[in-house]
C-alpha atoms as a PDB file:
ATOM      1  CA  MET A   1       0.020   0.009  -0.035  1.00  0.00           C
ATOM      2  CA  LEU A   2       2.891   2.470   0.841  1.00  0.00           C
ATOM      3  CA  GLY A   3       4.429   2.055  -2.618  1.00  0.00           C
ATOM      4  CA  ARG A   4       1.103   2.915  -4.434  1.00  0.00           C
ATOM      5  CA  THR A   5       0.460   5.757  -2.137  1.00  0.00           C
ATOM      6  CA  ALA A   6       4.096   7.137  -2.420  1.00  0.00           C
ATOM      7  CA  ASN A   7       3.823   6.752  -6.269  1.00  0.00           C
ATOM      8  CA  GLY A   8       0.562   8.732  -6.321  1.00  0.00           C
ATOM      9  CA  LEU A   9       2.125  11.567  -4.190  1.00  0.00           C
ATOM     10  CA  TYR A  10       5.322  11.514  -6.191  1.00  0.00           C
ATOM     11  CA  TRP A  11       3.472  11.970  -9.549  1.00  0.00           C
ATOM     12  CA  MET A  12       0.891  14.342  -7.986  1.00  0.00           C
ATOM     13  CA  PHE A  13       3.602  16.788  -7.087  1.00  0.00           C
ATOM     14  CA  ARG A  14       5.553  16.199 -10.293  1.00  0.00           C
ATOM     15  CA  TYR A  15       2.454  17.211 -12.354  1.00  0.00           C
ATOM     16  CA  ILE A  16       1.593  20.156 -10.264  1.00  0.00           C
ATOM     17  CA  GLU A  17       5.077  21.494 -10.580  1.00  0.00           C
ATOM     18  CA  ARG A  18       5.192  20.750 -14.253  1.00  0.00           C
ATOM     19  CA  ALA A  19       1.955  22.695 -14.751  1.00  0.00           C
ATOM     20  CA  GLU A  20       3.510  25.822 -13.180  1.00  0.00           C
ATOM     21  CA  ASN A  21       6.837  25.051 -15.089  1.00  0.00           C
ATOM     22  CA  ILE A  22       5.135  25.026 -18.334  1.00  0.00           C
ATOM     23  CA  ALA A  23       3.405  28.273 -17.629  1.00  0.00           C
ATOM     24  CA  ARG A  24       6.882  29.614 -16.733  1.00  0.00           C
ATOM     25  CA  LEU A  25       8.186  28.467 -20.076  1.00  0.00           C
ATOM     26  CA  VAL A  26       5.430  30.100 -21.892  1.00  0.00           C
ATOM     27  CA  ASP A  27       5.992  33.293 -19.832  1.00  0.00           C
ATOM     28  CA  ALA A  28       9.716  33.203 -20.891  1.00  0.00           C
ATOM     29  CA  GLY A  29       8.821  32.632 -24.572  1.00  0.00           C
ATOM     30  CA  GLN A  30       6.304  35.443 -24.538  1.00  0.00           C
ATOM     31  CA  ARG A  31       8.682  37.872 -22.936  1.00  0.00           C
ATOM     32  CA  MET A  32      11.454  37.074 -25.265  1.00  0.00           C
ATOM     33  CA  SER A  33       9.227  37.263 -28.391  1.00  0.00           C
ATOM     34  CA  LEU A  34       8.185  40.724 -27.197  1.00  0.00           C
ATOM     35  CA  THR A  35      11.710  41.952 -26.899  1.00  0.00           C
ATOM     36  CA  ARG A  36      13.269  40.313 -29.867  1.00  0.00           C
ATOM     37  CA  SER A  37      13.255  41.581 -33.498  1.00  0.00           C
ATOM     38  CA  GLY A  38      12.953  38.787 -36.047  1.00  0.00           C
ATOM     39  CA  ALA A  39      10.680  35.748 -36.799  1.00  0.00           C
ATOM     40  CA  VAL A  40       8.347  35.082 -33.912  1.00  0.00           C
ATOM     41  CA  GLU A  41       8.314  31.431 -35.068  1.00  0.00           C
ATOM     42  CA  ASP A  42      11.945  30.877 -34.111  1.00  0.00           C
ATOM     43  CA  ASP A  43      11.103  31.995 -30.434  1.00  0.00           C
ATOM     44  CA  TRP A  44       8.313  29.449 -30.087  1.00  0.00           C
ATOM     45  CA  ASP A  45      10.273  26.691 -31.752  1.00  0.00           C
ATOM     46  CA  GLY A  46      12.808  27.140 -28.989  1.00  0.00           C
ATOM     47  CA  VAL A  47      10.193  26.996 -26.360  1.00  0.00           C
ATOM     48  CA  LEU A  48       8.510  23.886 -27.911  1.00  0.00           C
ATOM     49  CA  GLN A  49      11.971  22.273 -28.120  1.00  0.00           C
ATOM     50  CA  SER A  50      12.754  22.898 -24.538  1.00  0.00           C
ATOM     51  CA  ALA A  51       9.289  21.694 -23.387  1.00  0.00           C
ATOM     52  CA  GLY A  52      10.045  18.506 -25.371  1.00  0.00           C
ATOM     53  CA  VAL A  53       6.909  18.627 -27.406  1.00  0.00           C
ATOM     54  CA  ARG A  54       8.175  20.072 -30.811  1.00  0.00           C
ATOM     55  CA  GLU A  55       7.432  16.958 -32.899  1.00  0.00           C
ATOM     56  CA  ALA A  56       4.094  16.327 -31.050  1.00  0.00           C
ATOM     57  CA  TYR A  57       3.005  19.923 -31.913  1.00  0.00           C
ATOM     58  CA  ASP A  58       3.621  19.162 -35.684  1.00  0.00           C
ATOM     59  CA  GLU A  59       1.380  16.271 -35.404  1.00  0.00           C
ATOM     60  CA  VAL A  60      -1.417  18.685 -34.476  1.00  0.00           C
ATOM     61  CA  HIS A  61      -0.557  21.808 -36.330  1.00  0.00           C
ATOM     62  CA  SER A  62       0.639  22.295 -39.856  1.00  0.00           C
ATOM     63  CA  LYS A  63       2.279  25.663 -39.172  1.00  0.00           C
ATOM     64  CA  LEU A  64       4.084  27.152 -36.098  1.00  0.00           C
ATOM     65  CA  THR A  65       2.518  30.306 -34.784  1.00  0.00           C
ATOM     66  CA  GLY A  66       2.870  32.055 -31.475  1.00  0.00           C
ATOM     67  CA  ALA A  67      -0.963  31.692 -30.758  1.00  0.00           C
ATOM     68  CA  ASP A  68      -1.043  28.076 -31.576  1.00  0.00           C
ATOM     69  CA  ALA A  69       2.077  27.287 -29.415  1.00  0.00           C
ATOM     70  CA  ILE A  70       0.636  28.995 -26.495  1.00  0.00           C
ATOM     71  CA  ASP A  71      -2.680  27.247 -26.943  1.00  0.00           C
ATOM     72  CA  TYR A  72      -0.944  23.866 -27.214  1.00  0.00           C
ATOM     73  CA  LEU A  73       1.240  24.371 -24.220  1.00  0.00           C
ATOM     74  CA  MET A  74      -1.551  25.882 -21.953  1.00  0.00           C
ATOM     75  CA  ARG A  75      -4.776  24.023 -22.681  1.00  0.00           C
ATOM     76  CA  ASP A  76      -4.525  21.450 -25.532  1.00  0.00           C
ATOM     77  CA  ARG A  77      -5.775  18.016 -24.050  1.00  0.00           C
ATOM     78  CA  SER A  78      -3.979  16.132 -26.823  1.00  0.00           C
ATOM     79  CA  ASN A  79      -0.657  17.445 -25.176  1.00  0.00           C
ATOM     80  CA  PRO A  80      -0.139  15.355 -22.073  1.00  0.00           C
ATOM     81  CA  SER A  81       2.330  18.171 -20.910  1.00  0.00           C
ATOM     82  CA  SER A  82      -0.090  21.027 -21.286  1.00  0.00           C
ATOM     83  CA  VAL A  83      -0.935  23.019 -18.175  1.00  0.00           C
ATOM     84  CA  MET A  84      -4.452  21.743 -18.138  1.00  0.00           C
ATOM     85  CA  SER A  85      -3.443  18.140 -18.798  1.00  0.00           C
ATOM     86  CA  CYS A  86      -1.040  18.383 -15.844  1.00  0.00           C
ATOM     87  CA  ILE A  87      -3.520  19.953 -13.512  1.00  0.00           C
ATOM     88  CA  GLU A  88      -6.006  17.276 -14.351  1.00  0.00           C
ATOM     89  CA  TYR A  89      -3.382  14.405 -13.807  1.00  0.00           C
ATOM     90  CA  GLY A  90      -2.249  16.047 -10.706  1.00  0.00           C
ATOM     91  CA  ARG A  91      -5.731  16.164  -9.296  1.00  0.00           C
ATOM     92  CA  ASN A  92      -6.508  12.624 -10.373  1.00  0.00           C
ATOM     93  CA  ASN A  93      -3.411  11.397  -8.403  1.00  0.00           C
ATOM     94  CA  ALA A  94      -4.486  13.481  -5.457  1.00  0.00           C
ATOM     95  CA  ARG A  95      -7.831  11.905  -5.510  1.00  0.00           C
ATOM     96  CA  MET A  96      -6.331   8.466  -5.748  1.00  0.00           C
ATOM     97  CA  VAL A  97      -4.373   9.192  -2.521  1.00  0.00           C
ATOM     98  CA  ARG A  98      -7.028  11.359  -0.828  1.00  0.00           C
ATOM     99  CA  THR A  99      -6.713   9.579   2.521  1.00  0.00           C
ATOM    100  CA  ALA A 100      -3.029  10.356   2.581  1.00  0.00           C
ATOM    101  CA  LEU A 101      -3.534  13.989   2.124  1.00  0.00           C
ATOM    102  CA  THR A 102      -4.545  16.626   4.671  1.00  0.00           C
ATOM    103  CA  ARG A 103      -7.869  18.448   4.012  1.00  0.00           C
ATOM    104  CA  ASP A 104      -5.946  21.676   3.317  1.00  0.00           C
ATOM    105  CA  THR A 105      -3.847  20.071   0.573  1.00  0.00           C
ATOM    106  CA  TRP A 106      -6.772  18.343  -1.057  1.00  0.00           C
ATOM    107  CA  GLU A 107      -8.935  21.558  -1.077  1.00  0.00           C
ATOM    108  CA  ALA A 108      -6.116  23.580  -2.522  1.00  0.00           C
ATOM    109  CA  THR A 109      -5.617  21.044  -5.276  1.00  0.00           C
ATOM    110  CA  ASN A 110      -9.362  20.756  -6.017  1.00  0.00           C
ATOM    111  CA  GLU A 111      -9.725  24.530  -6.171  1.00  0.00           C
ATOM    112  CA  CYS A 112      -6.825  24.949  -8.501  1.00  0.00           C
ATOM    113  CA  TRP A 113      -8.415  22.508 -10.835  1.00  0.00           C
ATOM    114  CA  ILE A 114     -11.804  24.096 -10.706  1.00  0.00           C
ATOM    115  CA  GLU A 115     -10.491  27.593 -11.511  1.00  0.00           C
ATOM    116  CA  LEU A 116      -8.156  26.673 -14.227  1.00  0.00           C
ATOM    117  CA  LYS A 117     -10.752  24.495 -15.959  1.00  0.00           C
ATOM    118  CA  THR A 118     -12.591  27.743 -16.291  1.00  0.00           C
ATOM    119  CA  LEU A 119      -9.780  30.000 -17.166  1.00  0.00           C
ATOM    120  CA  LEU A 120      -8.364  27.565 -19.842  1.00  0.00           C
ATOM    121  CA  GLY A 121     -11.739  26.438 -21.092  1.00  0.00           C
ATOM    122  CA  LYS A 122     -11.295  28.741 -24.045  1.00  0.00           C
ATOM    123  CA  ARG A 123      -8.443  29.964 -26.256  1.00  0.00           C
ATOM    124  CA  LEU A 124      -6.484  32.671 -24.455  1.00  0.00           C
ATOM    125  CA  LYS A 125      -6.151  36.185 -25.819  1.00  0.00           C
ATOM    126  CA  THR A 126      -2.730  37.728 -25.582  1.00  0.00           C
ATOM    127  CA  ALA A 127      -3.857  40.271 -23.128  1.00  0.00           C
ATOM    128  CA  GLU A 128      -5.206  37.428 -20.873  1.00  0.00           C
ATOM    129  CA  LEU A 129      -1.878  35.426 -20.713  1.00  0.00           C
ATOM    130  CA  PRO A 130      -0.003  37.314 -17.997  1.00  0.00           C
ATOM    131  CA  GLU A 131      -2.871  37.179 -15.457  1.00  0.00           C
ATOM    132  CA  THR A 132      -3.528  33.356 -16.321  1.00  0.00           C
ATOM    133  CA  ILE A 133       0.115  32.634 -15.712  1.00  0.00           C
ATOM    134  CA  ASP A 134       0.117  34.463 -12.423  1.00  0.00           C
ATOM    135  CA  VAL A 135      -3.049  32.448 -11.397  1.00  0.00           C
ATOM    136  CA  ILE A 136      -1.297  29.163 -12.232  1.00  0.00           C
ATOM    137  CA  LYS A 137       1.776  30.114 -10.123  1.00  0.00           C
ATOM    138  CA  ARG A 138      -0.316  31.377  -7.250  1.00  0.00           C
ATOM    139  CA  ARG A 139      -2.448  28.222  -7.176  1.00  0.00           C
ATOM    140  CA  ALA A 140       0.602  25.858  -7.467  1.00  0.00           C
ATOM    141  CA  GLY A 141       2.157  27.935  -4.566  1.00  0.00           C
ATOM    142  CA  LEU A 142      -1.002  27.423  -2.508  1.00  0.00           C
ATOM    143  CA  ILE A 143      -0.837  23.602  -2.959  1.00  0.00           C
ATOM    144  CA  ARG A 144       2.720  23.415  -1.981  1.00  0.00           C
ATOM    145  CA  GLY A 145       2.148  25.724   1.021  1.00  0.00           C
ATOM    146  CA  ALA A 146      -0.889  23.728   2.269  1.00  0.00           C
ATOM    147  CA  PHE A 147       1.147  20.450   1.932  1.00  0.00           C
ATOM    148  CA  HIS A 148       4.285  21.905   3.491  1.00  0.00           C
ATOM    149  CA  GLY A 149       2.434  23.387   6.391  1.00  0.00           C
ATOM    150  CA  SER A 150       0.191  20.422   7.313  1.00  0.00           C
ATOM    151  CA  MET A 151       1.775  17.061   6.445  1.00  0.00           C
ATOM    152  CA  LEU A 152       3.807  14.885   8.644  1.00  0.00           C
ATOM    153  CA  ARG A 153       7.503  14.602   7.816  1.00  0.00           C
ATOM    154  CA  ASN A 154       7.354  10.980   7.002  1.00  0.00           C
ATOM    155  CA  GLU A 155       8.174   8.789   3.843  1.00  0.00           C
ATOM    156  CA  LEU A 156       5.121  10.084   2.029  1.00  0.00           C
ATOM    157  CA  TYR A 157       6.241  13.611   2.467  1.00  0.00           C
ATOM    158  CA  ASN A 158       9.556  12.758   1.224  1.00  0.00           C
ATOM    159  CA  PHE A 159       8.400  11.059  -1.915  1.00  0.00           C
ATOM    160  CA  ALA A 160       6.118  14.040  -2.659  1.00  0.00           C
ATOM    161  CA  ARG A 161       9.140  16.377  -2.229  1.00  0.00           C
ATOM    162  CA  MET A 162      11.301  14.235  -4.508  1.00  0.00           C
ATOM    163  CA  GLY A 163       8.628  14.676  -7.274  1.00  0.00           C
ATOM    164  CA  THR A 164       8.678  18.479  -6.775  1.00  0.00           C
ATOM    165  CA  PHE A 165      12.406  18.832  -6.972  1.00  0.00           C
ATOM    166  CA  ILE A 166      12.998  16.361  -9.852  1.00  0.00           C
ATOM    167  CA  GLU A 167      10.537  18.303 -11.974  1.00  0.00           C
ATOM    168  CA  ARG A 168      11.846  21.742 -10.708  1.00  0.00           C
ATOM    169  CA  ALA A 169      15.409  20.938 -11.690  1.00  0.00           C
ATOM    170  CA  ASP A 170      14.236  19.845 -15.155  1.00  0.00           C
ATOM    171  CA  ASN A 171      12.408  23.070 -15.624  1.00  0.00           C
ATOM    172  CA  THR A 172      15.232  25.267 -14.591  1.00  0.00           C
ATOM    173  CA  ALA A 173      17.450  23.456 -17.053  1.00  0.00           C
ATOM    174  CA  ARG A 174      14.820  23.812 -19.781  1.00  0.00           C
ATOM    175  CA  ILE A 175      14.210  27.524 -19.219  1.00  0.00           C
ATOM    176  CA  LEU A 176      17.977  28.152 -19.517  1.00  0.00           C
ATOM    177  CA  ASP A 177      17.851  26.212 -22.767  1.00  0.00           C
ATOM    178  CA  VAL A 178      15.165  28.319 -24.045  1.00  0.00           C
ATOM    179  CA  LYS A 179      17.577  31.074 -23.878  1.00  0.00           C
ATOM    180  CA  TYR A 180      20.083  29.003 -25.725  1.00  0.00           C
ATOM    181  CA  TYR A 181      17.645  28.083 -28.502  1.00  0.00           C
ATOM    182  CA  VAL A 182      16.458  31.653 -28.966  1.00  0.00           C
ATOM    183  CA  LEU A 183      19.484  33.612 -28.798  1.00  0.00           C
ATOM    184  CA  LEU A 184      22.588  31.374 -29.169  1.00  0.00           C
ATOM    185  CA  PRO A 185      22.773  29.713 -32.657  1.00  0.00           C
ATOM    186  CA  SER A 186      26.192  28.337 -31.956  1.00  0.00           C
ATOM    187  CA  VAL A 187      28.312  27.396 -28.891  1.00  0.00           C
ATOM    188  CA  SER A 188      30.754  30.122 -29.813  1.00  0.00           C
ATOM    189  CA  HIS A 189      28.345  32.794 -28.777  1.00  0.00           C
ATOM    190  CA  VAL A 190      27.852  31.537 -25.253  1.00  0.00           C
ATOM    191  CA  GLY A 191      28.988  34.060 -22.745  1.00  0.00           C
ATOM    192  CA  SER A 192      29.104  36.906 -25.121  1.00  0.00           C
ATOM    193  CA  SER A 193      27.207  40.216 -24.429  1.00  0.00           C
ATOM    194  CA  LEU A 194      23.461  39.705 -24.903  1.00  0.00           C
ATOM    195  CA  ASP A 195      20.403  41.789 -24.488  1.00  0.00           C
ATOM    196  CA  ASN A 196      19.655  42.746 -20.994  1.00  0.00           C
ATOM    197  CA  ALA A 197      15.830  42.678 -21.311  1.00  0.00           C
ATOM    198  CA  GLN A 198      15.847  39.067 -22.494  1.00  0.00           C
ATOM    199  CA  TRP A 199      18.133  37.965 -19.577  1.00  0.00           C
ATOM    200  CA  GLU A 200      15.772  39.737 -17.311  1.00  0.00           C
ATOM    201  CA  SER A 201      12.905  37.780 -18.730  1.00  0.00           C
ATOM    202  CA  ILE A 202      14.632  34.513 -17.778  1.00  0.00           C
ATOM    203  CA  LEU A 203      15.223  35.635 -14.186  1.00  0.00           C
ATOM    204  CA  ARG A 204      11.604  36.918 -13.902  1.00  0.00           C
ATOM    205  CA  SER A 205      10.253  33.577 -15.301  1.00  0.00           C
ATOM    206  CA  VAL A 206      11.773  31.663 -12.356  1.00  0.00           C
ATOM    207  CA  SER A 207      10.974  34.569  -9.840  1.00  0.00           C
ATOM    208  CA  ALA A 208      14.593  35.223  -9.347  1.00  0.00           C
ATOM    209  CA  HIS A 209      14.964  38.830 -10.757  1.00  0.00           C
ATOM    210  CA  ARG A 210      15.336  40.557  -7.368  1.00  0.00           C
ATOM    211  CA  ALA A 211      17.173  37.721  -5.768  1.00  0.00           C
ATOM    212  CA  TYR A 212      19.774  37.787  -8.463  1.00  0.00           C
ATOM    213  CA  LYS A 213      20.434  41.415  -7.792  1.00  0.00           C
ATOM    214  CA  TRP A 214      20.949  40.662  -3.934  1.00  0.00           C
ATOM    215  CA  ALA A 215      23.417  37.942  -4.770  1.00  0.00           C
ATOM    216  CA  TYR A 216      25.285  39.565  -7.737  1.00  0.00           C
ATOM    217  CA  ASP A 217      25.890  43.042  -9.070  1.00  0.00           C
ATOM    218  CA  PRO A 218      22.985  44.727 -10.796  1.00  0.00           C
ATOM    219  CA  GLU A 219      24.409  44.329 -14.300  1.00  0.00           C
ATOM    220  CA  TYR A 220      23.118  41.368 -16.150  1.00  0.00           C
ATOM    221  CA  LYS A 221      26.018  38.973 -17.020  1.00  0.00           C
ATOM    222  CA  PRO A 222      25.323  35.654 -18.784  1.00  0.00           C
ATOM    223  CA  ALA A 223      27.916  33.681 -16.630  1.00  0.00           C
ATOM    224  CA  ASN A 224      26.483  35.066 -13.309  1.00  0.00           C
ATOM    225  CA  ILE A 225      22.887  34.290 -14.400  1.00  0.00           C
ATOM    226  CA  ALA A 226      23.918  30.797 -15.313  1.00  0.00           C
ATOM    227  CA  ASP A 227      25.964  30.415 -12.070  1.00  0.00           C
ATOM    228  CA  PHE A 228      22.922  31.598 -10.139  1.00  0.00           C
ATOM    229  CA  LEU A 229      20.454  29.228 -11.715  1.00  0.00           C
ATOM    230  CA  ILE A 230      22.745  26.247 -11.873  1.00  0.00           C
ATOM    231  CA  LEU A 231      25.262  26.241  -8.974  1.00  0.00           C
ATOM    232  CA  ASN A 232      24.010  28.825  -6.322  1.00  0.00           C
ATOM    233  CA  GLY A 233      22.694  26.583  -3.551  1.00  0.00           C
ATOM    234  CA  GLN A 234      20.762  29.587  -1.931  1.00  0.00           C
ATOM    235  CA  MET A 235      18.512  29.966  -5.006  1.00  0.00           C
ATOM    236  CA  PRO A 236      15.404  27.749  -4.392  1.00  0.00           C
ATOM    237  CA  ARG A 237      15.162  26.881  -8.134  1.00  0.00           C
ATOM    238  CA  SER A 238      18.763  26.227  -8.884  1.00  0.00           C
ATOM    239  CA  LEU A 239      19.864  22.848  -9.846  1.00  0.00           C
ATOM    240  CA  ALA A 240      22.289  22.772  -6.826  1.00  0.00           C
ATOM    241  CA  TYR A 241      19.500  23.591  -4.464  1.00  0.00           C
ATOM    242  CA  CYS A 242      17.042  20.990  -5.984  1.00  0.00           C
ATOM    243  CA  TYR A 243      19.660  18.246  -5.653  1.00  0.00           C
ATOM    244  CA  GLU A 244      20.522  18.984  -2.070  1.00  0.00           C
ATOM    245  CA  LYS A 245      16.849  18.550  -1.324  1.00  0.00           C
ATOM    246  CA  ILE A 246      16.482  15.382  -3.371  1.00  0.00           C
ATOM    247  CA  VAL A 247      19.589  13.764  -1.659  1.00  0.00           C
ATOM    248  CA  GLY A 248      18.104  14.682   1.774  1.00  0.00           C
ATOM    249  CA  ASN A 249      14.790  13.117   0.849  1.00  0.00           C
ATOM    250  CA  ILE A 250      16.329   9.883  -0.476  1.00  0.00           C
ATOM    251  CA  SER A 251      18.659   9.671   2.475  1.00  0.00           C
ATOM    252  CA  PHE A 252      15.635   9.895   4.875  1.00  0.00           C
ATOM    253  CA  LEU A 253      14.005   6.911   3.061  1.00  0.00           C
ATOM    254  CA  SER A 254      17.343   4.873   3.057  1.00  0.00           C
ATOM    255  CA  ALA A 255      17.680   5.431   6.862  1.00  0.00           C
ATOM    256  CA  GLU A 256      13.952   4.697   7.497  1.00  0.00           C
ATOM    257  CA  TYR A 257      13.853   1.345   5.540  1.00  0.00           C
ATOM    258  CA  GLU A 258      17.543   0.443   6.018  1.00  0.00           C
ATOM    259  CA  THR A 259      18.119  -0.055   2.280  1.00  0.00           C
ATOM    260  CA  ARG A 260      20.006   1.565  -0.658  1.00  0.00           C
ATOM    261  CA  LEU A 261      18.559   1.718  -4.124  1.00  0.00           C
ATOM    262  CA  PRO A 262      20.184   2.843  -7.469  1.00  0.00           C
ATOM    263  CA  ALA A 263      18.487   6.192  -7.162  1.00  0.00           C
ATOM    264  CA  ASN A 264      20.574   6.814  -4.027  1.00  0.00           C
ATOM    265  CA  ASP A 265      23.835   6.597  -6.044  1.00  0.00           C
ATOM    266  CA  THR A 266      22.454   8.486  -9.072  1.00  0.00           C
ATOM    267  CA  ALA A 267      21.262  11.464  -7.081  1.00  0.00           C
ATOM    268  CA  GLU A 268      24.558  11.621  -4.960  1.00  0.00           C
ATOM    269  CA  ALA A 269      26.599  11.579  -8.163  1.00  0.00           C
ATOM    270  CA  ILE A 270      24.622  14.391  -9.666  1.00  0.00           C
ATOM    271  CA  ARG A 271      24.959  16.395  -6.528  1.00  0.00           C
ATOM    272  CA  GLN A 272      28.690  15.783  -6.534  1.00  0.00           C
ATOM    273  CA  LEU A 273      28.914  16.897 -10.125  1.00  0.00           C
ATOM    274  CA  LEU A 274      27.306  20.156  -9.338  1.00  0.00           C
ATOM    275  CA  GLN A 275      29.502  20.698  -6.332  1.00  0.00           C
ATOM    276  CA  ASN A 276      32.731  20.039  -8.362  1.00  0.00           C
ATOM    277  CA  LEU A 277      31.857  22.354 -11.276  1.00  0.00           C
ATOM    278  CA  THR A 278      32.474  26.015 -11.773  1.00  0.00           C
ATOM    279  CA  ILE A 279      30.610  28.223 -14.152  1.00  0.00           C
ATOM    280  CA  LYS A 280      33.801  28.526 -16.106  1.00  0.00           C
ATOM    281  CA  ASN A 281      33.792  24.695 -16.539  1.00  0.00           C
ATOM    282  CA  ILE A 282      30.186  24.696 -17.792  1.00  0.00           C
ATOM    283  CA  MET A 283      30.726  27.663 -20.198  1.00  0.00           C
ATOM    284  CA  ASP A 284      33.873  26.015 -21.604  1.00  0.00           C
ATOM    285  CA  GLN A 285      31.950  22.710 -22.096  1.00  0.00           C
ATOM    286  CA  GLY A 286      29.068  24.669 -23.665  1.00  0.00           C
ATOM    287  CA  LEU A 287      25.933  25.684 -21.803  1.00  0.00           C
ATOM    288  CA  HIS A 288      23.542  23.861 -24.109  1.00  0.00           C
ATOM    289  CA  GLU A 289      25.666  20.672 -23.888  1.00  0.00           C
ATOM    290  CA  PHE A 290      25.873  20.772 -20.177  1.00  0.00           C
ATOM    291  CA  LEU A 291      22.009  21.384 -19.954  1.00  0.00           C
ATOM    292  CA  GLU A 292      21.343  18.486 -22.301  1.00  0.00           C
ATOM    293  CA  ASP A 293      23.374  16.162 -20.292  1.00  0.00           C
ATOM    294  CA  PHE A 294      21.857  17.343 -16.986  1.00  0.00           C
ATOM    295  CA  VAL A 295      18.381  16.753 -18.266  1.00  0.00           C
ATOM    296  CA  ALA A 296      19.339  13.218 -19.249  1.00  0.00           C
ATOM    297  CA  ARG A 297      20.722  12.465 -15.967  1.00  0.00           C
ATOM    298  CA  ASN A 298      17.798  13.866 -14.162  1.00  0.00           C
ATOM    299  CA  ASN A 299      15.306  11.791 -16.321  1.00  0.00           C
ATOM    300  CA  LYS A 300      17.418   8.765 -15.348  1.00  0.00           C
ATOM    301  CA  LEU A 301      17.006   9.463 -11.731  1.00  0.00           C
ATOM    302  CA  GLY A 302      13.176  10.131 -12.118  1.00  0.00           C
ATOM    303  CA  ALA A 303      12.918   6.564 -13.846  1.00  0.00           C
ATOM    304  CA  GLU A 304      14.968   4.957 -10.984  1.00  0.00           C
ATOM    305  CA  ILE A 305      12.705   6.591  -8.353  1.00  0.00           C
ATOM    306  CA  SER A 306       9.565   5.198 -10.171  1.00  0.00           C
ATOM    307  CA  ASP A 307      11.244   1.726 -10.394  1.00  0.00           C
ATOM    308  CA  GLY A 308      12.041   2.008  -6.644  1.00  0.00           C
ATOM    309  CA  TYR A 309       8.399   1.950  -5.598  1.00  0.00           C
ATOM    310  CA  ARG A 310       8.255  -1.749  -5.962  1.00  0.00           C
ATOM    311  CA  PHE A 311      10.373  -2.074  -2.960  1.00  0.00           C
ATOM    312  CA  TYR A 312       7.858  -0.269  -0.827  1.00  0.00           C
ATOM    313  CA  GLU A 313       4.839  -2.374  -1.862  1.00  0.00           C
END
């Protein structure tokens, strides 16, 4: 029973986090398309690539337009990673494990689904997009807050938190990769002087604009921004921060059940990699290449965590 409940909570929080993250990707794409001269299609091609749905989009639409890309990412039911699909999957998992959730967490999840079903029930106008994205972020935050403030810190809590941070790390890497796809056509351009308004849009899309200025000087420097979102352990959406939390969650389970699974080794290896790297190492390797490798490692860990549920059955 524990394994099935843990699996439901893990995927519930992956889907809730993914819904917010897809909204953040759309926000990043919209901000960059408004500040960049040139073909808008190039901007949204990068967003769809980073969301991992470029080929799936082509199966539904014969032409790439900003409006169709936004609709596909926000509300298309044929896209399993659209915001609306993720909210429904998250709620379905929450309903499946209803007895393992506090009342506050269930109500926050259900209210999120009800509001977004209305907001995303029709095609969004451009003017409606910012407010809709804000609602998605607020609702996801309410679910996390209700869960964090009312759940026992037991094995179920740790499985749910792993789902959150696996998905969040994936999102941060993909949002940085949006920047690569939109602005950096070759690795040789990584680290060059880029448009400040677009770097600002990346920081705003992960709610890190003001925090960046606290941690670094006010000037937008590509290397500093990459360092902030990848290696800075104080930034709650950085890759380093996410992996500190993931390793902590897995370590709790290992101690609780006196066992060690492949996911332990993978998580610790990724954390060690992030601890040993400098931003110069990453830029020399190539930002895009590093992010691709990280996403693959993160996906491997996610698969190992899912496989590990059988141990808890």
